[in-house]
């Protein structure tokens, strides 16, 4: 038997709430996740389907370079004595 993907595992948890009528608290406890995580999975599944249950990057979508020069100057001004 092949191993289930992360999205498939989360889908089983989502179905336990949607199809089986179990509570979010109950399913979250069974799966070892917080209630908020379970609510996030439900919302992502509703909005994007199975694809929404895949792992997501925690990397920022953009990087602000506005403060770069100020941070550099502040670092150079530090007294390391």
Protein backbone atom coordinates (compact mmCIF):
# COMPACT_ATOMS: atom_id res chain seq x y z
CA UNK A 1 0.00 0.00 0.00
CA UNK A 2 1.37 3.43 -0.91
CA UNK A 3 1.83 6.19 1.63
CA UNK A 4 -0.79 8.96 1.60
CA UNK A 5 0.30 12.46 0.67
CA UNK A 6 -0.06 15.31 3.15
CA UNK A 7 -3.03 16.65 1.18
CA UNK A 8 -4.74 13.23 1.25
CA UNK A 9 -4.24 12.93 5.01
CA UNK A 10 -5.70 16.38 5.57
CA UNK A 11 -8.56 15.52 3.22
CA UNK A 12 -9.46 12.58 5.46
CA UNK A 13 -9.58 14.93 8.44
CA UNK A 14 -11.71 17.44 6.51
CA UNK A 15 -14.10 14.70 5.42
CA UNK A 16 -14.47 13.56 9.01
CA UNK A 17 -15.95 16.99 9.77
CA UNK A 18 -17.88 17.56 6.54
CA UNK A 19 -19.21 14.11 5.69
CA UNK A 20 -19.18 12.30 9.03
CA UNK A 21 -20.51 15.24 11.02
CA UNK A 22 -17.82 15.05 13.69
CA UNK A 23 -16.85 18.21 15.56
CA UNK A 24 -13.76 20.21 14.68
CA UNK A 25 -12.52 19.76 18.25
CA UNK A 26 -12.89 16.00 18.08
CA UNK A 27 -11.16 15.61 14.71
CA UNK A 28 -8.39 18.05 15.63
CA UNK A 29 -7.70 16.03 18.76
CA UNK A 30 -7.62 12.76 16.80
CA UNK A 31 -5.21 14.20 14.24
CA UNK A 32 -3.00 15.96 16.78
CA UNK A 33 -3.56 19.47 15.43
CA UNK A 34 -5.12 22.60 16.88
CA UNK A 35 -8.73 23.56 16.25
CA UNK A 36 -7.45 26.62 14.37
CA UNK A 37 -5.43 24.40 12.03
CA UNK A 38 -8.50 22.28 11.40
CA UNK A 39 -10.54 25.41 10.62
CA UNK A 40 -7.75 26.58 8.28
CA UNK A 41 -7.83 23.25 6.42
CA UNK A 42 -11.61 23.41 6.11
CA UNK A 43 -11.47 26.96 4.73
CA UNK A 44 -8.67 26.11 2.31
CA UNK A 45 -10.52 23.01 1.11
CA UNK A 46 -13.70 25.02 0.59
CA UNK A 47 -11.85 27.72 -1.35
CA UNK A 48 -9.38 25.63 -3.36
CA UNK A 49 -10.39 21.99 -3.14
CA UNK A 50 -7.84 19.23 -2.58
CA UNK A 51 -5.05 21.45 -3.94
CA UNK A 52 -5.60 23.86 -1.05
CA UNK A 53 -4.59 21.16 1.44
CA UNK A 54 -1.00 20.90 0.20
CA UNK A 55 1.82 22.29 2.30
CA UNK A 56 2.42 25.99 1.82
CA UNK A 57 5.61 27.94 1.92
CA UNK A 58 6.18 30.14 4.95
CA UNK A 59 8.52 32.31 2.93
CA UNK A 60 7.41 35.94 2.60
CA UNK A 61 5.87 36.79 -0.75
CA UNK A 62 8.04 39.89 -1.01
CA UNK A 63 10.96 41.41 0.77
CA UNK A 64 11.03 45.04 1.71
CA UNK A 65 14.32 46.65 0.80
CA UNK A 66 13.23 50.09 1.96
CA UNK A 67 14.89 49.75 5.33
CA UNK A 68 18.10 48.15 4.08
CA UNK A 69 20.28 51.28 4.07
CA UNK A 70 18.97 52.47 7.45
CA UNK A 71 19.62 49.08 9.03
CA UNK A 72 23.14 49.01 7.59
CA UNK A 73 23.90 52.50 8.86
CA UNK A 74 22.46 51.71 12.29
CA UNK A 75 24.62 48.59 12.45
CA UNK A 76 27.73 50.53 11.50
CA UNK A 77 26.99 53.12 14.18
CA UNK A 78 26.87 50.51 16.97
CA UNK A 79 29.60 50.76 19.59
CA UNK A 80 31.08 47.30 20.11
CA UNK A 81 33.34 48.23 23.05
